């Protein structure tokens, strides 16, 4: 009888642990959902489009513009970037991926280099101005390889010339 009680206790202990882990996961998901809503309300439709893929938050910076063939951040983008900083602050210790994209016009290798330079320009801005630790920020240029619109129209090309910031929150429920 005592052995049966010990066996049942072990079985219940495992169920309690599984339940506890599930509750922690649900709480973490609810927290990310609330944070996503907070970020979504920060930007106008002319500044950024906000998406969610799993727990990752994507800021498509439609209001961030570079001069043709240039990667220098212009002063008129500083207000938008201040909002980006606040959005990133909502997800402490998150990993930040800066993705540079171009349209399909021009040389493929030049587009690749331009997209990388733009992503790195924003990375340097985040590290130097926003004081985000360098190990949290990764910059990658994708050139013309990931279009979001048709490159055959001027409007489509404009949508493809973009910077996406992917915020990857820590998945640890204790954070």
N, C-alpha and C. Protein backbone atom coordinates (compact mmCIF):
# COMPACT_ATOMS: atom_id res chain seq x y z
N UNK A 1 0.83 -1.19 0.00
CA UNK A 1 0.00 0.00 0.00
C UNK A 1 0.88 1.26 0.00
N UNK A 2 1.90 1.27 0.85
CA UNK A 2 2.80 2.42 0.90
C UNK A 2 3.54 2.60 -0.42
N UNK A 3 3.92 1.50 -1.05
CA UNK A 3 4.59 1.59 -2.34
C UNK A 3 3.66 2.18 -3.40
N UNK A 4 2.41 1.84 -3.34
CA UNK A 4 1.41 2.38 -4.28
C UNK A 4 1.25 3.89 -4.05
N UNK A 5 1.25 4.30 -2.81
CA UNK A 5 1.14 5.73 -2.48
C UNK A 5 2.35 6.48 -3.02
N UNK A 6 3.56 5.91 -2.83
CA UNK A 6 4.78 6.54 -3.36
C UNK A 6 4.70 6.66 -4.89
N UNK A 7 4.22 5.62 -5.56
CA UNK A 7 4.09 5.64 -7.01
C UNK A 7 3.12 6.74 -7.44
N UNK A 8 1.99 6.85 -6.77
CA UNK A 8 1.01 7.89 -7.09
C UNK A 8 1.57 9.28 -6.81
N UNK A 9 2.31 9.44 -5.73
CA UNK A 9 2.94 10.71 -5.42
C UNK A 9 3.90 11.13 -6.52
N UNK A 10 4.70 10.17 -7.01
CA UNK A 10 5.64 10.46 -8.10
C UNK A 10 4.90 10.90 -9.35
N UNK A 11 3.81 10.19 -9.67
CA UNK A 11 3.03 10.53 -10.85
C UNK A 11 2.42 11.93 -10.72
N UNK A 12 1.89 12.24 -9.57
CA UNK A 12 1.32 13.58 -9.35
C UNK A 12 2.40 14.65 -9.36
N UNK A 13 3.55 14.32 -8.81
CA UNK A 13 4.66 15.28 -8.82
C UNK A 13 5.04 15.66 -10.24
N UNK A 14 5.10 14.70 -11.13
CA UNK A 14 5.41 14.97 -12.52
C UNK A 14 4.34 15.83 -13.17
N UNK A 15 3.07 15.55 -12.86
CA UNK A 15 1.97 16.33 -13.42
C UNK A 15 2.01 17.76 -12.90
N UNK A 16 2.34 17.93 -11.65
CA UNK A 16 2.43 19.26 -11.06
C UNK A 16 3.55 20.06 -11.72
N UNK A 17 4.67 19.41 -11.96
CA UNK A 17 5.80 20.09 -12.63
C UNK A 17 5.40 20.48 -14.05
N UNK A 18 4.78 19.56 -14.79
CA UNK A 18 4.33 19.86 -16.16
C UNK A 18 3.34 21.02 -16.17
N UNK A 19 2.42 21.00 -15.21
CA UNK A 19 1.42 22.08 -15.12
C UNK A 19 2.10 23.41 -14.84
N UNK A 20 3.07 23.40 -13.95
CA UNK A 20 3.80 24.62 -13.60
C UNK A 20 4.54 25.18 -14.82
N UNK A 21 5.18 24.30 -15.59
CA UNK A 21 5.89 24.74 -16.80
C UNK A 21 4.91 25.31 -17.81
N UNK A 22 3.76 24.67 -17.97
CA UNK A 22 2.74 25.15 -18.90
C UNK A 22 2.22 26.52 -18.48
N UNK A 23 1.97 26.69 -17.20
CA UNK A 23 1.51 27.99 -16.69
C UNK A 23 2.55 29.07 -16.96
N UNK A 24 3.83 28.77 -16.74
CA UNK A 24 4.90 29.73 -17.01
C UNK A 24 4.93 30.11 -18.50
N UNK A 25 4.78 29.13 -19.37
CA UNK A 25 4.77 29.41 -20.81
C UNK A 25 3.60 30.30 -21.20
N UNK A 26 2.43 29.99 -20.65
CA UNK A 26 1.24 30.80 -20.96
C UNK A 26 1.40 32.23 -20.46
N UNK A 27 1.97 32.38 -19.28
CA UNK A 27 2.21 33.72 -18.74
C UNK A 27 3.20 34.48 -19.60
N UNK A 28 4.25 33.80 -20.08
CA UNK A 28 5.24 34.45 -20.95
C UNK A 28 4.60 34.87 -22.26
N UNK A 29 3.75 34.03 -22.83
CA UNK A 29 3.06 34.37 -24.07
C UNK A 29 2.13 35.56 -23.87
N UNK A 30 1.42 35.58 -22.76
CA UNK A 30 0.53 36.70 -22.46
C UNK A 30 1.33 38.00 -22.31
N UNK A 31 2.50 37.89 -21.69
CA UNK A 31 3.35 39.07 -21.50
C UNK A 31 3.82 39.60 -22.86
N UNK A 32 4.25 38.71 -23.76
CA UNK A 32 4.70 39.13 -25.09
C UNK A 32 3.54 39.75 -25.88
N UNK A 33 2.36 39.17 -25.76
CA UNK A 33 1.18 39.72 -26.44
C UNK A 33 0.88 41.13 -25.95
N UNK A 34 0.95 41.35 -24.66
CA UNK A 34 0.71 42.68 -24.11
C UNK A 34 1.79 43.66 -24.57
N UNK A 35 3.04 43.21 -24.57
CA UNK A 35 4.14 44.07 -25.02
C UNK A 35 3.99 44.40 -26.50
N UNK A 36 3.58 43.42 -27.30
CA UNK A 36 3.35 43.65 -28.73
C UNK A 36 2.30 44.75 -28.93
N UNK A 37 1.21 44.67 -28.19
CA UNK A 37 0.17 45.70 -28.28
C UNK A 37 0.70 47.07 -27.92
N UNK A 38 1.54 47.12 -26.93
CA UNK A 38 2.15 48.38 -26.50
C UNK A 38 3.00 48.97 -27.62
N UNK A 39 3.81 48.14 -28.26
CA UNK A 39 4.66 48.59 -29.36
C UNK A 39 3.81 49.02 -30.54
N UNK A 40 2.80 48.26 -30.84
CA UNK A 40 1.93 48.55 -31.98
C UNK A 40 1.31 49.95 -31.87
N UNK A 41 0.95 50.34 -30.67
CA UNK A 41 0.31 51.65 -30.46
C UNK A 41 1.30 52.82 -30.52
N UNK A 42 2.59 52.55 -30.51
CA UNK A 42 3.60 53.60 -30.48
C UNK A 42 3.81 54.29 -31.83
N UNK A 43 3.51 53.57 -32.92
CA UNK A 43 3.87 54.04 -34.26
C UNK A 43 2.64 54.36 -35.09
N UNK A 44 2.76 55.38 -35.93
CA UNK A 44 1.72 55.66 -36.91
C UNK A 44 1.96 54.77 -38.12
N UNK A 45 0.98 54.66 -39.00
CA UNK A 45 1.13 53.82 -40.19
C UNK A 45 2.17 54.37 -41.15
N UNK A 46 2.51 55.65 -41.03
CA UNK A 46 3.55 56.25 -41.87
C UNK A 46 4.95 56.07 -41.30
N UNK A 47 5.03 55.58 -40.07
CA UNK A 47 6.33 55.36 -39.43
C UNK A 47 6.78 53.91 -39.52
N UNK A 48 5.88 53.01 -39.14
CA UNK A 48 6.27 51.59 -39.10
C UNK A 48 5.04 50.71 -39.18
N UNK A 49 5.25 49.54 -39.74
CA UNK A 49 4.27 48.47 -39.71
C UNK A 49 4.81 47.46 -38.69
N UNK A 50 3.93 46.99 -37.83
CA UNK A 50 4.35 46.09 -36.76
C UNK A 50 3.74 44.71 -37.02
N UNK A 51 4.59 43.69 -37.01
CA UNK A 51 4.16 42.32 -37.22
C UNK A 51 4.66 41.45 -36.08
N UNK A 52 4.04 40.31 -35.97
CA UNK A 52 4.49 39.33 -34.98
C UNK A 52 4.62 37.98 -35.66
N UNK A 53 5.78 37.36 -35.50
CA UNK A 53 6.03 35.99 -35.96
C UNK A 53 6.45 35.19 -34.75
N UNK A 54 5.56 34.37 -34.24
CA UNK A 54 5.83 33.67 -32.98
C UNK A 54 5.97 34.71 -31.89
N UNK A 55 7.06 34.67 -31.16
CA UNK A 55 7.32 35.69 -30.14
C UNK A 55 8.14 36.86 -30.67
N UNK A 56 8.59 36.78 -31.91
CA UNK A 56 9.39 37.86 -32.50
C UNK A 56 8.50 39.01 -32.94
N UNK A 57 8.99 40.22 -32.68
CA UNK A 57 8.29 41.43 -33.10
C UNK A 57 9.08 42.04 -34.25
N UNK A 58 8.39 42.36 -35.34
CA UNK A 58 9.05 42.94 -36.50
C UNK A 58 8.57 44.37 -36.69
N UNK A 59 9.52 45.29 -36.68
CA UNK A 59 9.23 46.70 -36.96
C UNK A 59 9.69 46.97 -38.39
N UNK A 60 8.76 47.13 -39.30
CA UNK A 60 9.11 47.48 -40.68
C UNK A 60 9.08 49.00 -40.75
N UNK A 61 10.25 49.60 -40.80
CA UNK A 61 10.38 51.06 -40.68
C UNK A 61 10.09 51.75 -42.01
N UNK A 62 8.81 51.91 -42.32
CA UNK A 62 8.43 52.54 -43.59
C UNK A 62 8.78 54.03 -43.60
N UNK A 63 8.93 54.62 -42.44
CA UNK A 63 9.27 56.04 -42.35
C UNK A 63 10.76 56.33 -42.34
N UNK A 64 11.59 55.31 -42.36
CA UNK A 64 13.04 55.49 -42.37
C UNK A 64 13.51 55.48 -43.81
N UNK A 65 14.04 56.60 -44.25
CA UNK A 65 14.45 56.72 -45.65
C UNK A 65 15.93 57.07 -45.75
N UNK A 66 16.55 56.52 -46.77
CA UNK A 66 17.94 56.83 -47.09
C UNK A 66 17.96 57.50 -48.46
N UNK A 67 18.91 58.38 -48.66
CA UNK A 67 19.12 58.93 -49.99
C UNK A 67 19.55 57.81 -50.92
N UNK A 68 19.29 57.98 -52.20
CA UNK A 68 19.62 56.97 -53.20
C UNK A 68 21.09 56.57 -53.11
N UNK A 69 21.33 55.28 -53.05
CA UNK A 69 22.67 54.68 -52.99
C UNK A 69 23.47 55.10 -51.76
N UNK A 70 22.80 55.59 -50.73
CA UNK A 70 23.47 56.05 -49.51
C UNK A 70 23.04 55.21 -48.31
N UNK A 71 23.86 55.22 -47.27
CA UNK A 71 23.52 54.48 -46.05
C UNK A 71 23.59 55.36 -44.80
N UNK A 72 23.70 56.67 -45.00
CA UNK A 72 23.77 57.60 -43.87
C UNK A 72 22.37 57.86 -43.33
N UNK A 73 22.24 57.76 -42.02
CA UNK A 73 20.95 58.06 -41.37
C UNK A 73 20.79 59.58 -41.33
N UNK A 74 19.65 60.05 -41.83
CA UNK A 74 19.40 61.48 -41.89
C UNK A 74 18.77 61.96 -40.58
N UNK A 75 19.02 63.22 -40.27
CA UNK A 75 18.54 63.80 -39.03
C UNK A 75 17.02 63.75 -38.91
N UNK A 76 16.31 63.85 -40.02
CA UNK A 76 14.85 63.82 -39.93
C UNK A 76 14.32 62.44 -39.55
N UNK A 77 15.18 61.44 -39.42
CA UNK A 77 14.77 60.11 -38.96
C UNK A 77 14.96 59.91 -37.45
N UNK A 78 15.59 60.87 -36.79
CA UNK A 78 15.90 60.71 -35.38
C UNK A 78 14.65 60.55 -34.50
N UNK A 79 13.57 61.25 -34.84
CA UNK A 79 12.34 61.15 -34.04
C UNK A 79 11.77 59.73 -34.12
N UNK A 80 11.77 59.17 -35.32
CA UNK A 80 11.30 57.79 -35.49
C UNK A 80 12.21 56.82 -34.74
N UNK A 81 13.51 57.04 -34.82
CA UNK A 81 14.45 56.14 -34.14
C UNK A 81 14.33 56.25 -32.61
N UNK A 82 13.89 57.39 -32.11
CA UNK A 82 13.64 57.52 -30.66
C UNK A 82 12.48 56.61 -30.26
N UNK A 83 11.48 56.51 -31.13
CA UNK A 83 10.37 55.59 -30.86
C UNK A 83 10.83 54.14 -30.93
N UNK A 84 11.70 53.85 -31.88
CA UNK A 84 12.26 52.50 -31.98
C UNK A 84 12.99 52.14 -30.70
N UNK A 85 13.74 53.09 -30.16
CA UNK A 85 14.46 52.84 -28.91
C UNK A 85 13.49 52.50 -27.79
N UNK A 86 12.38 53.23 -27.70
CA UNK A 86 11.38 52.94 -26.66
C UNK A 86 10.76 51.56 -26.86
N UNK A 87 10.54 51.20 -28.13
CA UNK A 87 9.97 49.87 -28.42
C UNK A 87 10.94 48.77 -27.99
N UNK A 88 12.21 48.97 -28.26
CA UNK A 88 13.22 47.98 -27.87
C UNK A 88 13.31 47.88 -26.34
N UNK A 89 13.16 49.01 -25.67
CA UNK A 89 13.23 49.01 -24.20
C UNK A 89 12.11 48.20 -23.56
N UNK A 90 11.03 47.99 -24.28
CA UNK A 90 9.91 47.19 -23.75
C UNK A 90 10.32 45.72 -23.62
N UNK A 91 11.34 45.33 -24.39
CA UNK A 91 11.82 43.94 -24.38
C UNK A 91 13.26 43.91 -23.88
N UNK A 92 13.47 44.08 -22.58
CA UNK A 92 14.84 44.10 -22.06
C UNK A 92 15.57 42.79 -22.36
N UNK A 93 16.84 42.93 -22.63
CA UNK A 93 17.73 41.79 -22.91
C UNK A 93 17.37 41.01 -24.16
N UNK A 94 16.50 41.57 -24.99
CA UNK A 94 16.15 40.89 -26.24
C UNK A 94 17.31 41.00 -27.23
N UNK A 95 17.29 40.11 -28.21
CA UNK A 95 18.23 40.18 -29.32
C UNK A 95 17.57 41.02 -30.41
N UNK A 96 18.34 41.86 -31.07
CA UNK A 96 17.80 42.74 -32.10
C UNK A 96 18.51 42.45 -33.41
N UNK A 97 17.73 42.12 -34.42
CA UNK A 97 18.28 41.86 -35.74
C UNK A 97 17.83 42.99 -36.67
N UNK A 98 18.78 43.63 -37.30
CA UNK A 98 18.49 44.69 -38.26
C UNK A 98 18.67 44.09 -39.65
N UNK A 99 17.60 44.13 -40.43
CA UNK A 99 17.63 43.54 -41.76
C UNK A 99 17.49 44.63 -42.81
N UNK A 100 18.51 44.76 -43.64
CA UNK A 100 18.48 45.74 -44.73
C UNK A 100 18.01 45.08 -46.01
N UNK A 101 17.17 45.78 -46.78
CA UNK A 101 16.62 45.26 -48.03
C UNK A 101 16.65 46.34 -49.10
N UNK A 102 16.75 45.92 -50.36
CA UNK A 102 16.69 46.85 -51.49
C UNK A 102 15.66 46.34 -52.49
N UNK A 103 15.41 47.17 -53.51
CA UNK A 103 14.60 46.70 -54.63
C UNK A 103 15.51 45.94 -55.59
N UNK A 104 14.97 45.51 -56.72
CA UNK A 104 15.76 44.67 -57.62
C UNK A 104 16.50 45.47 -58.69
N UNK A 105 16.37 46.78 -58.67
CA UNK A 105 17.06 47.58 -59.67
C UNK A 105 18.54 47.71 -59.33
N UNK A 106 19.36 47.68 -60.33
CA UNK A 106 20.79 47.80 -60.12
C UNK A 106 21.46 46.45 -60.00
N UNK A 107 22.76 46.50 -59.82
CA UNK A 107 23.59 45.32 -59.73
C UNK A 107 23.31 44.56 -58.42
N UNK A 108 23.18 43.23 -58.53
CA UNK A 108 22.88 42.40 -57.36
C UNK A 108 23.90 42.59 -56.24
N UNK A 109 25.18 42.57 -56.59
CA UNK A 109 26.22 42.68 -55.55
C UNK A 109 26.22 44.07 -54.93
N UNK A 110 25.93 45.10 -55.72
CA UNK A 110 25.85 46.46 -55.16
C UNK A 110 24.64 46.59 -54.24
N UNK A 111 23.53 45.99 -54.62
CA UNK A 111 22.34 46.00 -53.76
C UNK A 111 22.61 45.27 -52.44
N UNK A 112 23.33 44.16 -52.54
CA UNK A 112 23.68 43.41 -51.33
C UNK A 112 24.54 44.28 -50.40
N UNK A 113 25.54 44.90 -50.97
CA UNK A 113 26.44 45.76 -50.18
C UNK A 113 25.69 46.95 -49.59
N UNK A 114 24.82 47.58 -50.39
CA UNK A 114 24.05 48.73 -49.92
C UNK A 114 23.13 48.32 -48.75
N UNK A 115 22.46 47.19 -48.89
CA UNK A 115 21.57 46.76 -47.81
C UNK A 115 22.35 46.45 -46.54
N UNK A 116 23.54 45.86 -46.68
CA UNK A 116 24.38 45.58 -45.52
C UNK A 116 24.86 46.88 -44.88
N UNK A 117 25.28 47.84 -45.70
CA UNK A 117 25.75 49.13 -45.19
C UNK A 117 24.65 49.86 -44.44
N UNK A 118 23.43 49.82 -44.96
CA UNK A 118 22.30 50.48 -44.29
C UNK A 118 21.99 49.81 -42.96
N UNK A 119 22.00 48.49 -42.94
CA UNK A 119 21.75 47.76 -41.70
C UNK A 119 22.85 48.07 -40.67
N UNK A 120 24.10 48.11 -41.12
CA UNK A 120 25.21 48.42 -40.22
C UNK A 120 25.17 49.87 -39.74
N UNK A 121 24.71 50.77 -40.59
CA UNK A 121 24.58 52.16 -40.18
C UNK A 121 23.59 52.28 -39.02
N UNK A 122 22.48 51.57 -39.12
CA UNK A 122 21.50 51.58 -38.04
C UNK A 122 22.04 50.86 -36.81
N UNK A 123 22.79 49.79 -37.02
CA UNK A 123 23.41 49.07 -35.90
C UNK A 123 24.34 50.01 -35.12
N UNK A 124 25.18 50.75 -35.83
CA UNK A 124 26.09 51.70 -35.16
C UNK A 124 25.32 52.77 -34.42
N UNK A 125 24.23 53.24 -35.02
CA UNK A 125 23.40 54.24 -34.37
C UNK A 125 22.83 53.68 -33.05
N UNK A 126 22.35 52.45 -33.10
CA UNK A 126 21.78 51.84 -31.89
C UNK A 126 22.84 51.68 -30.80
N UNK A 127 24.02 51.28 -31.19
CA UNK A 127 25.09 51.07 -30.21
C UNK A 127 25.59 52.40 -29.65
N UNK A 128 25.82 53.37 -30.52
CA UNK A 128 26.42 54.64 -30.09
C UNK A 128 25.43 55.64 -29.52
N UNK A 129 24.25 55.73 -30.09
CA UNK A 129 23.28 56.73 -29.66
C UNK A 129 22.28 56.17 -28.65
N UNK A 130 21.76 54.99 -28.94
CA UNK A 130 20.77 54.38 -28.05
C UNK A 130 21.42 53.65 -26.88
N UNK A 131 22.74 53.44 -26.97
CA UNK A 131 23.51 52.75 -25.93
C UNK A 131 23.05 51.32 -25.71
N UNK A 132 22.66 50.66 -26.80
CA UNK A 132 22.31 49.24 -26.74
C UNK A 132 23.60 48.45 -26.85
N UNK A 133 23.77 47.48 -26.02
CA UNK A 133 25.00 46.69 -26.00
C UNK A 133 25.20 46.00 -27.35
N UNK A 134 26.43 46.04 -27.83
CA UNK A 134 26.73 45.54 -29.17
C UNK A 134 26.40 44.07 -29.36
N UNK A 135 26.53 43.27 -28.31
CA UNK A 135 26.25 41.84 -28.46
C UNK A 135 24.77 41.55 -28.69
N UNK A 136 23.90 42.53 -28.45
CA UNK A 136 22.47 42.35 -28.66
C UNK A 136 22.03 42.66 -30.09
N UNK A 137 22.88 43.35 -30.87
CA UNK A 137 22.45 43.88 -32.17
C UNK A 137 23.23 43.21 -33.31
N UNK A 138 22.49 42.61 -34.22
CA UNK A 138 23.07 41.96 -35.39
C UNK A 138 22.52 42.63 -36.64
N UNK A 139 23.41 43.00 -37.57
CA UNK A 139 23.00 43.64 -38.82
C UNK A 139 23.26 42.71 -39.98
N UNK A 140 22.24 42.54 -40.83
CA UNK A 140 22.36 41.69 -42.00
C UNK A 140 21.72 42.36 -43.20
N UNK A 141 22.42 42.35 -44.31
CA UNK A 141 21.87 42.86 -45.55
C UNK A 141 21.39 41.72 -46.42
N UNK A 142 20.19 41.86 -46.93
CA UNK A 142 19.61 40.82 -47.78
C UNK A 142 19.51 41.25 -49.25
N UNK A 143 19.95 42.48 -49.54
CA UNK A 143 19.86 42.95 -50.91
C UNK A 143 18.44 42.89 -51.41
N UNK A 144 18.27 42.31 -52.58
CA UNK A 144 16.95 42.24 -53.21
C UNK A 144 16.29 40.87 -53.04
N UNK A 145 16.84 40.02 -52.17
CA UNK A 145 16.42 38.62 -52.10
C UNK A 145 15.10 38.37 -51.39
N UNK A 146 14.61 39.32 -50.59
CA UNK A 146 13.36 39.12 -49.84
C UNK A 146 12.36 40.23 -50.11
N UNK A 147 11.87 40.34 -51.33
CA UNK A 147 10.91 41.41 -51.62
C UNK A 147 9.57 41.18 -50.91
N UNK A 148 8.92 42.28 -50.56
CA UNK A 148 7.58 42.20 -49.97
C UNK A 148 6.53 42.72 -50.96
N UNK A 149 6.99 43.22 -52.11
CA UNK A 149 6.09 43.77 -53.12
C UNK A 149 6.69 43.53 -54.50
N UNK A 150 5.91 43.82 -55.51
CA UNK A 150 6.32 43.63 -56.91
C UNK A 150 7.34 44.70 -57.31
N UNK A 151 8.49 44.28 -57.79
CA UNK A 151 9.53 45.22 -58.21
C UNK A 151 9.25 45.85 -59.57
N UNK A 152 8.16 45.48 -60.21
CA UNK A 152 7.82 46.04 -61.52
C UNK A 152 7.14 47.39 -61.43
N UNK A 153 6.73 47.80 -60.23
CA UNK A 153 6.09 49.10 -60.06
C UNK A 153 6.91 49.98 -59.13
N UNK A 154 6.79 51.29 -59.29
CA UNK A 154 7.52 52.22 -58.42
C UNK A 154 7.09 52.04 -56.97
N UNK A 155 5.79 51.85 -56.73
CA UNK A 155 5.30 51.67 -55.37
C UNK A 155 5.85 50.38 -54.76
N UNK A 156 5.92 49.34 -55.56
CA UNK A 156 6.46 48.07 -55.08
C UNK A 156 7.93 48.18 -54.74
N UNK A 157 8.68 48.83 -55.63
CA UNK A 157 10.12 49.01 -55.36
C UNK A 157 10.33 49.81 -54.08
N UNK A 158 9.50 50.84 -53.87
CA UNK A 158 9.62 51.66 -52.65
C UNK A 158 9.39 50.80 -51.40
N UNK A 159 8.43 49.88 -51.46
CA UNK A 159 8.16 49.01 -50.31
C UNK A 159 9.32 48.04 -50.07
N UNK A 160 10.01 47.66 -51.12
CA UNK A 160 11.11 46.70 -50.98
C UNK A 160 12.38 47.35 -50.43
N UNK A 161 12.52 48.66 -50.60
CA UNK A 161 13.67 49.38 -50.03
C UNK A 161 13.32 49.69 -48.57
N UNK A 162 13.78 48.83 -47.67
CA UNK A 162 13.32 48.97 -46.29
C UNK A 162 14.35 48.43 -45.30
N UNK A 163 14.10 48.81 -44.06
CA UNK A 163 14.82 48.24 -42.92
C UNK A 163 13.76 47.59 -42.03
N UNK A 164 13.97 46.33 -41.70
CA UNK A 164 13.13 45.64 -40.73
C UNK A 164 13.97 45.42 -39.49
N UNK A 165 13.38 45.70 -38.34
CA UNK A 165 14.03 45.41 -37.07
C UNK A 165 13.25 44.27 -36.43
N UNK A 166 13.94 43.18 -36.17
CA UNK A 166 13.33 42.02 -35.55
C UNK A 166 13.78 41.99 -34.10
N UNK A 167 12.82 42.08 -33.20
CA UNK A 167 13.10 42.01 -31.77
C UNK A 167 12.78 40.59 -31.33
N UNK A 168 13.79 39.91 -30.80
CA UNK A 168 13.63 38.54 -30.34
C UNK A 168 13.67 38.54 -28.81
N UNK A 169 12.48 38.55 -28.18
CA UNK A 169 12.46 38.57 -26.72
C UNK A 169 13.04 37.30 -26.13
N UNK A 170 13.59 37.45 -24.93
CA UNK A 170 14.05 36.29 -24.19
C UNK A 170 12.83 35.41 -23.91
N UNK A 171 12.97 34.11 -24.11
CA UNK A 171 11.86 33.20 -23.90
C UNK A 171 11.80 32.69 -22.47
N UNK A 172 12.78 33.01 -21.66
CA UNK A 172 12.83 32.58 -20.27
C UNK A 172 11.66 33.22 -19.51
N UNK A 173 10.72 32.43 -18.99
CA UNK A 173 9.56 32.99 -18.31
C UNK A 173 9.90 33.75 -17.03
N UNK A 174 11.09 33.58 -16.50
CA UNK A 174 11.45 34.30 -15.27
C UNK A 174 11.85 35.74 -15.54
N UNK A 175 11.95 36.12 -16.83
CA UNK A 175 12.39 37.48 -17.18
C UNK A 175 11.19 38.38 -17.34
